[in-house]
Amino acid sequence: MANSVSTRKGGDGRLTAALDPQDQGPQDACGVFGVWAPGEDVSKLTYYGLYALQHRGQESAGIAVSNGRQILVYKDMGLVSQVFDESTLDALQGHVAIGHSRYSTTGASTWHNAQPTFHPTAHGSIALAHNGNLTNTAELAEMVRDRSVLDGELDLKVHRPEQNSTNDTSVVTALLADHPDTTVEERAVELLPHVRGAFSFVWMTEDTLYAARDPQGIRPLVLGRLERGWVVASETAALDIVGASFIREIEPGELIAVDADGLRSRTFAEPAPKHCLFEFVYLARPDTVMTGKRMHSVRVEIGRRLAKTFPVDADLVIPVPESGTPAAIGYAEASGIPYGTGLVKNSYVGRTFIQPSQTIRQLGIRLKLNPLRDVIEGKKLVVVDDSIVRGNTQRALVRMLREAGAREVHVRISSPPVKWPCFYGIDFATRAELIGNGLTVDEICRSIDADSLGYIELDDLVDATAVPKDNLCRACFDGVYPIDLPDSAHLGKDVLEVRRSAPATPAATTTDVDGLAASLAGGGAADALRRP
């Protein structure tokens, strides 16, 4: 069946961004979930799986379910809890389902780009969910157009992506659906070696669940076992919430399929592991296990290493909740400085569709964090956070702590300076806006008005993960991209939108050195010292 969308007003999960569009932190990759379990309530299992993955994407959510005869896709803008209710889930009956929570890394944040994508074929239908970002989207889109032309105008609607969607996922869905002389599985084995970039795909036909991970394994994907079925998910935390036993990670370059005949696996490309290092720092939930290590333990170890490399005479270690908490615990353990709660976080920021007024927007960080004056007044503080992107948040945070009576503020960051954009599924600022690219550590320290600033060394961060350095993607820190990038005209979040709306005569554009549109509103990192 075709996609379904609700008429009730939901949220978009983006209040945090609306507070200060010029100060968005690193936006997470997407979350994917899939389940094959006859006799189970697969729509609710998927709902709770997505609920556990909500941190990976807050713009839209969707679930596709098959009862063996047809696939129904329901998706909408907003958080998982805003998109689905009891009656909607009760209507999604079947034995196989996939789900998706999205943050847009290719294509605008619109309903048409929400996932799972859906595509009919002459032999059935396909629904697909994607975590990651492809680097050859334009090339794949050309393949779709070429096949459409070869098959003739009458078949054009069957072979091209949804009319209004402009994301890489729709392109792959269309290519997977084009298999007139073979099975979906064989078509996937034929197509996936031509798909470049980061991808953890979960897709389904009327009777089969599929999952595949790119040969570099940049984005995570795990396999779990239910008493009466199988589960795949972005993180082990999603397995825990539905009561599935963790079996193993899906290997880089591996394709699995689950149907009535059981689970089968095959390799479509030679594995060359390059797991995303930023997953260990920030993206993954602290209770998730990746590469055999629980993220909380890795982050505590990062904090210990920070304390050894950047010691300071202080009275209290406090985290920027929640992302700085494990590293702050480790810093306190290794330094002997007491750990405390100096900032209280509003857990519901980003969970409403009501746009803030200008008065509220001016409060900025205070809507998200509030200092405990009784705890921090007169103290020399060590403040631990996961990263600095533009520096605006840390600048406002240091100012707020000083106004609350802090005597000294020493900032410690559990990742190296972010200097390069990500093309594999994380939406950082453009390179010109990354403060770590334009300023030295001392200059950044003065810019945010901290008494001292220390970043974890890259080698220390790598050692804390216990993963060999050559098996990690470190591109946002060192600029070494493990998958070749196309020319700048074929890069960027809006590559398909630009191609769709491009005028006959190319217009002059302003682009950053990484090929993405440069921000004209801000001057980038170079003027950070002059900003109030």
Protein backbone atom coordinates (compact mmCIF):
# COMPACT_ATOMS: atom_id res chain seq x y z
CA MET A 1 0.00 0.00 0.00
CA ALA A 2 1.02 3.62 -0.35
CA ASN A 3 2.46 5.75 2.41
CA SER A 4 0.17 7.02 5.13
CA VAL A 5 0.46 10.30 7.00
CA SER A 6 -1.50 11.68 9.92
CA THR A 7 -3.52 14.89 9.85
CA ARG A 8 -2.92 15.85 13.48
CA LYS A 9 -0.23 18.40 14.23
CA GLY A 10 2.98 16.92 15.55
CA GLY A 11 6.31 18.30 16.60
CA ASP A 12 9.53 18.46 14.66
CA GLY A 13 11.83 17.87 17.62
CA ARG A 14 13.91 20.92 16.74
CA LEU A 15 13.29 23.46 19.49
CA THR A 16 16.95 23.27 20.48
CA ALA A 17 17.98 24.33 16.98
CA ALA A 18 15.31 27.03 16.87
CA LEU A 19 16.78 28.65 19.99
CA ASP A 20 19.90 29.63 18.09
CA PRO A 21 20.17 28.45 14.46
CA GLN A 22 23.78 29.70 14.40
CA ASP A 23 24.80 27.44 17.28
CA GLN A 24 23.68 23.91 16.48
CA GLY A 25 25.93 21.20 17.79
CA PRO A 26 26.81 18.02 15.88
CA GLN A 27 23.52 16.54 14.72
CA ASP A 28 23.24 12.80 15.10
CA ALA A 29 23.03 10.26 12.37
CA CYS A 30 19.73 8.39 11.94
CA GLY A 31 18.46 5.34 13.81
CA VAL A 32 17.23 2.17 12.06
CA PHE A 33 15.42 -0.88 13.40
CA GLY A 34 14.04 -4.04 11.84
CA VAL A 35 12.25 -7.12 13.16
CA TRP A 36 11.07 -10.44 11.69
CA ALA A 37 8.91 -12.19 14.28
CA PRO A 38 5.69 -14.03 13.34
CA GLY A 39 3.25 -14.01 16.24
CA GLU A 40 4.76 -10.90 17.84
CA ASP A 41 3.40 -7.35 17.84
CA VAL A 42 6.11 -6.12 15.47
CA SER A 43 4.83 -2.54 15.17
CA LYS A 44 5.12 -2.00 18.93
CA LEU A 45 8.49 -3.71 19.06
CA THR A 46 9.64 -1.31 16.35
CA TYR A 47 8.12 1.66 18.18
CA TYR A 48 10.05 0.88 21.34
CA GLY A 49 13.19 0.13 19.35
CA LEU A 50 12.95 3.57 17.75
CA TYR A 51 12.25 5.09 21.15
CA ALA A 52 15.63 3.75 22.28
CA LEU A 53 17.23 5.26 19.17
CA GLN A 54 15.53 8.67 19.40
CA HIS A 55 18.85 10.37 20.19
CA ARG A 56 20.05 9.53 16.67
CA GLY A 57 17.38 11.57 14.90
CA GLN A 58 14.54 13.83 16.01
CA GLU A 59 13.11 15.33 12.81
CA SER A 60 10.84 12.54 11.63
CA ALA A 61 9.92 8.94 12.37
CA GLY A 62 8.31 6.12 10.44
CA ILE A 63 7.42 2.44 10.54
CA ALA A 64 6.69 -0.01 7.70
CA VAL A 65 4.88 -3.28 8.42
CA SER A 66 3.99 -6.24 6.20
CA ASN A 67 1.36 -8.89 6.83
CA GLY A 68 2.70 -11.09 4.03
CA ARG A 69 0.42 -9.59 1.37
CA GLN A 70 1.09 -5.86 1.51
CA ILE A 71 3.34 -3.26 3.11
CA LEU A 72 1.93 -0.27 4.96
CA VAL A 73 4.20 2.68 5.71
CA TYR A 74 3.26 5.29 8.30
CA LYS A 75 5.56 8.27 8.85
CA ASP A 76 5.40 11.89 9.94
CA MET A 77 7.50 14.79 11.11
CA GLY A 78 8.35 14.80 14.81
CA LEU A 79 9.59 12.56 17.58
CA VAL A 80 8.61 8.91 17.80
CA SER A 81 6.18 9.61 20.64
CA GLN A 82 4.58 12.43 18.64
CA VAL A 83 4.19 10.48 15.41
CA PHE A 84 2.68 7.26 16.81
CA ASP A 85 -0.17 6.55 19.19
CA GLU A 86 -1.89 3.36 20.30
CA SER A 87 -4.51 3.33 17.53
CA THR A 88 -1.91 3.89 14.82
CA LEU A 89 0.27 1.04 16.05
CA ASP A 90 -2.76 -1.26 16.38
CA ALA A 91 -3.47 -0.67 12.68
CA LEU A 92 0.04 -1.75 11.71
CA GLN A 93 -0.34 -5.51 11.90
CA GLY A 94 2.05 -8.05 10.45
CA HIS A 95 5.10 -10.23 11.05
CA VAL A 96 7.93 -8.12 9.62
CA ALA A 97 8.61 -4.43 10.21
CA ILE A 98 11.28 -1.76 9.86
CA GLY A 99 11.51 1.67 11.47
CA HIS A 100 13.48 4.88 11.20
CA SER A 101 14.15 8.04 13.22
CA ARG A 102 15.67 10.72 11.03
CA TYR A 103 18.02 13.62 11.14
CA SER A 104 18.48 14.86 7.58
CA THR A 105 22.00 14.56 6.18
CA THR A 106 20.93 14.41 2.52
CA GLY A 107 17.70 16.11 1.53
CA ALA A 108 15.63 18.70 3.32
CA SER A 109 13.73 18.00 6.53
CA THR A 110 10.32 17.45 4.91
CA TRP A 111 7.65 14.76 5.04
CA HIS A 112 8.56 13.58 1.54
CA ASN A 113 12.07 12.79 2.78
CA ALA A 114 10.93 11.00 5.93
CA GLN A 115 11.67 7.28 6.05
CA PRO A 116 11.12 4.40 5.50
CA THR A 117 10.91 5.04 1.78
CA PHE A 118 8.45 2.89 -0.19
CA HIS A 119 8.60 1.66 -3.77
CA PRO A 120 6.22 -0.65 -5.65
CA THR A 121 7.51 -3.15 -8.21
CA ALA A 122 5.90 -5.53 -10.66
CA HIS A 123 6.48 -8.38 -8.19
CA GLY A 124 5.75 -6.70 -4.85
CA SER A 125 7.03 -3.73 -2.86
CA ILE A 126 10.11 -2.56 -0.98
CA ALA A 127 10.40 -0.30 2.08
CA LEU A 128 13.86 0.88 3.15
CA ALA A 129 15.46 2.78 6.07
CA HIS A 130 19.00 4.18 6.00
CA ASN A 131 21.51 5.36 8.58
CA GLY A 132 24.50 7.15 7.11
CA ASN A 133 25.20 9.29 4.08
CA LEU A 134 26.21 8.32 0.55
CA THR A 135 28.96 10.07 -1.36
CA ASN A 136 27.90 9.05 -4.87
CA THR A 137 24.22 10.00 -4.66
CA ALA A 138 24.38 11.98 -7.92
CA GLU A 139 25.86 8.99 -9.75
CA LEU A 140 23.17 6.66 -8.37
CA ALA A 141 20.47 9.16 -9.37
CA GLU A 142 21.83 9.06 -12.93
CA MET A 143 21.52 5.26 -12.84
CA VAL A 144 17.85 5.63 -11.93
CA ARG A 145 17.26 8.07 -14.79
CA ASP A 146 19.14 5.90 -17.27
CA ARG A 147 17.10 2.83 -16.34
CA SER A 148 13.88 4.84 -16.59
CA VAL A 149 14.76 5.96 -20.12
CA LEU A 150 15.71 2.44 -21.19
CA ASP A 151 12.48 0.98 -19.83
CA GLY A 152 10.32 3.53 -21.59
CA GLU A 153 7.91 6.23 -20.51
CA LEU A 154 5.17 3.78 -19.47
CA ASP A 155 7.38 2.29 -16.76
CA LEU A 156 8.84 5.58 -15.55
CA LYS A 157 6.69 5.78 -12.41
CA VAL A 158 7.76 2.35 -11.28
CA HIS A 159 11.47 2.95 -11.67
CA ARG A 160 12.08 6.43 -10.34
CA PRO A 161 12.13 7.60 -6.72
CA GLU A 162 9.11 9.22 -5.11
CA GLN A 163 8.32 12.38 -7.04
CA ASN A 164 9.09 14.90 -4.30
CA SER A 165 11.80 13.14 -2.29
CA THR A 166 15.37 14.41 -2.55
CA ASN A 167 17.35 12.02 -0.37
CA ASP A 168 19.88 9.31 -1.13
CA THR A 169 17.64 6.66 0.44
CA SER A 170 14.93 7.07 -2.21
CA VAL A 171 17.49 6.62 -4.96
CA VAL A 172 18.75 3.34 -3.48
CA THR A 173 15.18 2.14 -2.93
CA ALA A 174 14.38 2.74 -6.58
CA LEU A 175 17.47 0.84 -7.72
CA LEU A 176 16.75 -2.10 -5.40
CA ALA A 177 13.19 -2.23 -6.68
CA ASP A 178 14.43 -2.57 -10.26
CA HIS A 179 14.98 -6.34 -10.48
CA PRO A 180 12.78 -7.74 -13.28
CA ASP A 181 14.93 -10.83 -13.92
CA THR A 182 16.21 -11.68 -10.44
CA THR A 183 15.35 -11.67 -6.72
CA VAL A 184 15.65 -8.70 -4.38
CA GLU A 185 18.53 -10.44 -2.63
CA GLU A 186 20.48 -11.00 -5.84
CA ARG A 187 19.73 -7.45 -6.93
CA ALA A 188 21.18 -6.19 -3.61
CA VAL A 189 24.37 -8.21 -4.07
CA GLU A 190 24.68 -6.69 -7.55
CA LEU A 191 23.89 -3.11 -6.50
CA LEU A 192 25.55 -2.63 -3.09
CA PRO A 193 29.17 -2.77 -4.36
CA HIS A 194 28.32 0.33 -6.44
CA VAL A 195 26.96 2.26 -3.44
CA ARG A 196 29.70 4.38 -1.85
CA GLY A 197 29.73 6.19 1.46
CA ALA A 198 28.38 5.24 4.85
CA PHE A 199 25.28 3.08 4.99
CA SER A 200 23.52 0.78 7.36
CA PHE A 201 20.47 -0.27 5.37
CA VAL A 202 17.45 -2.10 6.75
CA TRP A 203 14.76 -2.97 4.22
CA MET A 204 11.91 -5.36 3.66
CA THR A 205 9.67 -6.97 1.10
CA GLU A 206 6.28 -8.49 1.92
CA ASP A 207 7.88 -11.55 3.51
CA THR A 208 11.61 -10.88 4.12
CA LEU A 209 13.74 -8.62 6.31
CA TYR A 210 17.11 -7.49 4.95
CA ALA A 211 20.06 -5.57 6.42
CA ALA A 212 23.41 -4.48 4.99
CA ARG A 213 26.39 -2.49 6.21
CA ASP A 214 28.91 -0.64 4.05
CA PRO A 215 32.36 -2.26 3.59
CA GLN A 216 33.93 0.28 5.97
CA GLY A 217 31.28 -0.26 8.67
CA ILE A 218 31.31 3.46 9.48
CA ARG A 219 27.82 3.50 10.98
CA PRO A 220 26.87 0.78 13.49
CA LEU A 221 24.43 -2.09 12.92
CA VAL A 222 23.80 -5.06 15.24
CA LEU A 223 21.90 -8.35 15.17
CA GLY A 224 19.69 -9.62 17.97
CA ARG A 225 17.60 -12.73 18.68
CA LEU A 226 14.05 -12.93 19.96
CA GLU A 227 12.43 -16.13 21.13
CA ARG A 228 10.35 -16.16 17.94
CA GLY A 229 12.38 -14.04 15.57
CA TRP A 230 15.27 -11.76 14.74
CA VAL A 231 16.03 -8.05 15.24
CA VAL A 232 18.50 -5.64 13.62
CA ALA A 233 19.18 -2.18 15.04
CA SER A 234 21.64 0.69 15.03
CA GLU A 235 22.60 0.09 18.66
CA THR A 236 22.43 -2.66 21.27
CA ALA A 237 20.35 -0.35 23.50
CA ALA A 238 17.45 -0.91 21.09
CA LEU A 239 17.85 -4.68 21.49
CA ASP A 240 17.73 -4.33 25.26
CA ILE A 241 14.49 -2.38 25.28
CA VAL A 242 12.63 -5.05 23.24
CA GLY A 243 14.11 -8.00 25.13
CA ALA A 244 16.31 -9.27 22.30
CA SER A 245 19.62 -11.00 22.99
CA PHE A 246 22.66 -9.42 21.37
CA ILE A 247 24.18 -11.89 18.92
CA ARG A 248 26.86 -9.87 17.11
CA GLU A 249 27.56 -6.82 14.99
CA ILE A 250 26.66 -7.10 11.34
CA GLU A 251 30.04 -7.12 9.65
CA PRO A 252 31.25 -4.47 7.19
CA GLY A 253 30.33 -5.58 3.68
CA GLU A 254 27.77 -8.10 4.97
CA LEU A 255 24.21 -8.64 3.77
CA ILE A 256 21.76 -10.65 5.87
CA ALA A 257 18.24 -11.82 5.05
CA VAL A 258 15.59 -13.28 7.36
CA ASP A 259 12.46 -15.10 6.22
CA ALA A 260 10.54 -18.30 6.91
CA ASP A 261 13.63 -20.33 5.98
CA GLY A 262 15.68 -18.65 8.73
CA LEU A 263 18.64 -16.27 8.68
CA ARG A 264 21.26 -16.31 5.94
CA SER A 265 24.34 -14.16 5.42
CA ARG A 266 26.60 -13.34 2.52
CA THR A 267 29.45 -10.92 1.82
CA PHE A 268 28.93 -8.42 -1.01
CA ALA A 269 32.27 -6.57 -0.62
CA GLU A 270 35.65 -7.07 1.01
CA PRO A 271 35.53 -5.56 4.52
CA ALA A 272 37.81 -2.59 5.28
CA PRO A 273 36.70 -1.48 8.78
CA LYS A 274 36.63 2.26 9.51
CA HIS A 275 34.25 2.61 12.45
CA CYS A 276 33.22 6.21 13.21
CA LEU A 277 35.33 7.52 16.10
CA PHE A 278 32.72 10.14 16.99
CA GLU A 279 30.26 7.37 17.87
CA PHE A 280 32.50 6.61 20.86
CA VAL A 281 32.62 10.28 21.91
CA TYR A 282 29.01 11.36 21.54
CA LEU A 283 26.60 9.74 19.10
CA ALA A 284 25.92 6.34 20.65
CA ARG A 285 24.01 5.93 23.91
CA PRO A 286 26.30 5.31 26.92
CA ASP A 287 24.61 1.93 27.54
CA THR A 288 25.31 0.73 23.99
CA VAL A 289 28.05 -1.82 23.23
CA MET A 290 30.20 -1.28 20.12
CA THR A 291 33.28 -3.26 19.08
CA GLY A 292 32.95 -5.18 22.33
CA LYS A 293 33.13 -2.07 24.55
CA ARG A 294 30.33 -0.30 26.40
CA MET A 295 30.32 3.39 25.49
CA HIS A 296 30.05 4.52 29.11
CA SER A 297 33.28 2.68 29.98
CA VAL A 298 35.09 4.15 26.97
CA ARG A 299 34.01 7.67 27.92
CA VAL A 300 35.04 7.24 31.54
CA GLU A 301 38.48 6.14 30.31
CA ILE A 302 38.65 9.23 28.07
CA GLY A 303 38.03 11.34 31.17
CA ARG A 304 40.83 9.57 33.06
CA ARG A 305 43.23 10.30 30.22
CA LEU A 306 42.12 13.93 30.12
CA ALA A 307 42.94 14.28 33.82
CA LYS A 308 46.43 12.85 33.34
CA THR A 309 47.20 15.03 30.31
CA PHE A 310 45.53 18.24 31.52
CA PRO A 311 45.61 18.35 35.33
CA VAL A 312 44.48 21.46 37.17
CA ASP A 313 44.12 22.69 40.75
CA ALA A 314 40.33 22.78 41.21
CA ASP A 315 37.60 22.20 43.79
CA LEU A 316 34.94 20.40 41.74
CA VAL A 317 34.49 18.48 38.49
CA ILE A 318 31.12 18.99 36.83
CA PRO A 319 29.79 17.63 33.51
CA VAL A 320 27.78 19.37 30.83
CA PRO A 321 24.85 16.94 31.00
CA GLU A 322 24.31 14.42 29.65
CA SER A 323 27.05 14.00 27.05
CA GLY A 324 29.87 15.10 29.36
CA THR A 325 28.89 12.97 32.34
CA PRO A 326 30.94 9.75 31.85
CA ALA A 327 34.13 11.65 30.98
CA ALA A 328 33.62 13.92 34.01
CA ILE A 329 33.34 10.82 36.22
CA GLY A 330 36.63 9.55 34.80
CA TYR A 331 38.32 12.92 35.24
CA ALA A 332 37.23 13.07 38.88
CA GLU A 333 38.42 9.49 39.53
CA ALA A 334 41.87 10.07 38.07
CA SER A 335 42.40 13.55 39.49
CA GLY A 336 41.01 13.00 42.97
CA ILE A 337 38.90 16.15 42.61
CA PRO A 338 35.32 15.63 43.86
CA TYR A 339 32.63 15.05 41.23
CA GLY A 340 29.44 17.08 41.53
CA THR A 341 26.32 18.25 39.75
CA GLY A 342 26.66 21.93 38.94
CA LEU A 343 24.27 22.13 36.00
CA VAL A 344 20.69 20.93 35.77
CA LYS A 345 19.41 19.99 32.32
CA ASN A 346 15.85 20.42 31.11
CA SER A 347 15.21 16.97 29.66
CA TYR A 348 12.31 18.15 27.52
CA VAL A 349 14.02 20.81 25.44
CA GLY A 350 13.68 19.78 21.81
CA ARG A 351 10.43 17.90 22.47
CA THR A 352 7.90 20.48 21.37
CA PHE A 353 6.69 22.03 18.13
CA ILE A 354 6.08 25.43 19.75
CA GLN A 355 8.61 27.93 18.48
CA PRO A 356 10.23 30.09 21.18
CA SER A 357 9.53 33.81 21.30
CA GLN A 358 12.39 36.25 20.82
CA THR A 359 12.48 36.85 24.58
CA ILE A 360 12.87 33.13 25.28
CA ARG A 361 15.35 32.73 22.44
CA GLN A 362 17.55 35.40 24.02
CA LEU A 363 17.84 33.24 27.12
CA GLY A 364 19.68 30.76 24.90
CA ILE A 365 21.49 28.11 26.90
CA ARG A 366 19.49 28.89 30.06
CA LEU A 367 16.47 27.11 28.61
CA LYS A 368 18.60 23.96 28.34
CA LEU A 369 20.89 24.26 31.37
CA ASN A 370 20.61 26.03 34.70
CA PRO A 371 23.46 26.41 37.23
CA LEU A 372 23.21 25.33 40.86
CA ARG A 373 24.59 28.46 42.53
CA ASP A 374 24.90 26.83 45.96
CA VAL A 375 27.17 24.14 44.49
CA ILE A 376 29.45 26.26 42.31
CA GLU A 377 29.67 29.63 44.06
CA GLY A 378 33.25 30.42 45.07
CA LYS A 379 34.56 27.16 43.52
CA LYS A 380 37.29 26.49 40.99
CA LEU A 381 35.51 24.30 38.44
CA VAL A 382 36.55 21.70 35.88
CA VAL A 383 33.75 21.60 33.28
CA VAL A 384 33.77 18.51 31.04
CA ASP A 385 31.97 18.44 27.68
CA ASP A 386 32.10 16.18 24.61
CA SER A 387 33.05 18.67 21.87
CA ILE A 388 33.27 22.30 20.78
CA VAL A 389 31.84 23.08 17.34
CA ARG A 390 31.37 26.83 16.90
CA GLY A 391 32.12 27.81 20.48
CA ASN A 392 28.96 29.81 21.14
CA THR A 393 27.53 27.31 23.63
CA GLN A 394 30.74 27.07 25.64
CA ARG A 395 31.13 30.85 25.64
CA ALA A 396 27.60 31.28 27.02
CA LEU A 397 28.14 28.44 29.50
CA VAL A 398 31.35 29.92 30.93
CA ARG A 399 29.66 33.31 31.25
CA MET A 400 26.68 31.74 33.03
CA LEU A 401 28.92 29.88 35.50
CA ARG A 402 30.90 33.02 36.30
CA GLU A 403 27.67 34.95 36.86
CA ALA A 404 26.61 32.18 39.25
CA GLY A 405 29.73 32.77 41.32
CA ALA A 406 32.34 30.35 39.95
CA ARG A 407 35.86 31.56 40.84
CA GLU A 408 37.60 29.76 37.97
CA VAL A 409 36.30 27.76 34.99
CA HIS A 410 38.60 25.17 33.40
CA VAL A 411 37.11 23.47 30.35
CA ARG A 412 38.05 19.91 29.33
CA ILE A 413 36.81 18.36 26.08
CA SER A 414 36.57 14.59 25.51
CA SER A 415 37.30 14.83 21.77
CA PRO A 416 40.07 16.52 19.77
CA PRO A 417 39.25 19.79 17.99
CA VAL A 418 36.68 19.20 15.24
CA LYS A 419 38.34 20.66 12.13
CA TRP A 420 36.69 18.92 9.18
CA PRO A 421 33.10 18.28 8.09
CA CYS A 422 31.62 14.79 7.99
CA PHE A 423 30.24 13.34 4.75
CA TYR A 424 29.27 10.01 6.30
CA GLY A 425 26.17 10.81 8.33
CA ILE A 426 26.93 13.50 10.92
CA ASP A 427 25.88 17.07 10.19
CA PHE A 428 28.57 19.36 11.59
CA ALA A 429 28.95 23.02 10.73
CA THR A 430 30.77 23.90 7.51
CA ARG A 431 34.54 23.99 7.82
CA ALA A 432 34.64 27.80 7.84
CA GLU A 433 32.38 27.79 10.92
CA LEU A 434 34.30 25.18 12.92
CA ILE A 435 36.15 27.10 15.61
CA GLY A 436 38.78 24.32 15.89
CA ASN A 437 39.71 24.88 12.25
CA GLY A 438 40.30 28.62 12.50
CA LEU A 439 41.87 29.12 15.93
CA THR A 440 44.57 27.58 18.10
CA VAL A 441 43.63 26.00 21.43
CA ASP A 442 44.88 29.09 23.29
CA GLU A 443 42.80 31.35 21.04
CA ILE A 444 39.72 29.19 21.58
CA CYS A 445 40.33 29.35 25.33
CA ARG A 446 40.37 33.15 25.20
CA SER A 447 37.36 33.17 22.88
CA ILE A 448 35.17 31.24 25.33
CA ASP A 449 36.69 33.14 28.31
CA ALA A 450 37.84 29.99 30.12
CA ASP A 451 40.76 29.97 32.56
CA SER A 452 42.19 26.96 30.75
CA LEU A 453 41.17 24.57 27.98
CA GLY A 454 42.28 21.02 27.24
CA TYR A 455 41.23 18.65 24.45
CA ILE A 456 41.89 14.91 24.55
CA GLU A 457 44.76 13.97 22.26
CA LEU A 458 43.70 11.97 19.20
CA ASP A 459 45.97 9.03 20.05
CA ASP A 460 44.64 8.96 23.63
CA LEU A 461 41.08 8.91 22.32
CA VAL A 462 41.91 6.06 19.95
CA ASP A 463 43.61 4.10 22.74
CA ALA A 464 40.55 4.52 24.96
CA THR A 465 38.37 2.78 22.33
CA ALA A 466 40.73 -0.25 22.16
CA VAL A 467 40.17 -0.25 18.37
CA PRO A 468 43.25 -0.09 16.10
CA LYS A 469 43.71 3.43 14.73
CA ASP A 470 43.66 2.22 11.13
CA ASN A 471 40.23 0.67 11.73
CA LEU A 472 38.63 3.99 12.71
CA CYS A 473 37.30 6.89 10.67
CA ARG A 474 38.91 9.99 12.19
CA ALA A 475 38.09 12.39 9.34
CA CYS A 476 36.40 15.10 11.43
CA PHE A 477 39.56 15.34 13.53
CA ASP A 478 42.41 14.78 11.06
CA GLY A 479 40.85 15.30 7.61
CA VAL A 480 41.70 11.78 6.38
CA TYR A 481 38.59 10.52 4.62
CA PRO A 482 38.53 6.71 4.27
CA ILE A 483 36.10 6.79 1.34
CA ASP A 484 36.98 8.95 -1.65
CA LEU A 485 34.83 12.05 -2.03
CA PRO A 486 33.48 13.34 -5.36
CA ASP A 487 34.01 16.88 -6.58
CA SER A 488 32.35 19.67 -4.63
CA ALA A 489 29.42 19.97 -7.06
CA HIS A 490 28.30 16.47 -6.02
CA LEU A 491 28.67 17.02 -2.27
CA GLY A 492 26.35 18.56 0.25
CA LYS A 493 23.10 17.95 2.04
CA ASP A 494 20.99 19.38 -0.79
CA VAL A 495 22.75 17.74 -3.75
CA LEU A 496 19.54 16.35 -5.26
CA GLU A 497 17.54 19.51 -4.55
CA VAL A 498 20.21 21.60 -6.27
CA ARG A 499 20.23 19.26 -9.26
CA ARG A 500 16.44 19.27 -9.47
CA SER A 501 16.15 23.06 -9.38
CA ALA A 502 19.38 23.96 -11.21
CA PRO A 503 18.94 26.69 -13.85
CA ALA A 504 20.09 26.18 -17.42
CA THR A 505 22.92 28.65 -16.84
CA PRO A 506 24.93 27.94 -13.69
CA ALA A 507 24.59 30.70 -11.15
CA ALA A 508 27.45 32.00 -9.05
CA THR A 509 27.43 30.49 -5.58
CA THR A 510 29.41 30.94 -2.40
CA THR A 511 30.94 27.67 -1.26
CA ASP A 512 33.14 26.61 1.58
CA VAL A 513 36.46 24.84 0.97
CA ASP A 514 34.71 21.53 1.61
CA GLY A 515 32.21 22.17 -1.19
CA LEU A 516 29.24 22.89 1.05
CA ALA A 517 27.34 26.15 0.97
CA ALA A 518 29.11 28.68 3.16
CA SER A 519 27.20 30.49 5.87
CA LEU A 520 26.84 34.16 4.99
CA ALA A 521 25.26 35.03 8.34
CA GLY A 522 28.37 34.34 10.42
CA GLY A 523 31.99 35.02 9.74
CA GLY A 524 33.20 31.59 10.75
CA ALA A 525 35.87 30.82 13.32
CA ALA A 526 38.21 33.60 12.28
CA ASP A 527 36.13 36.31 13.97
CA ALA A 528 35.36 34.28 17.12
CA LEU A 529 37.58 36.48 19.29
CA ARG A 530 35.65 39.55 18.19
CA ARG A 531 32.17 38.11 18.80
CA PRO A 532 30.40 39.19 22.01
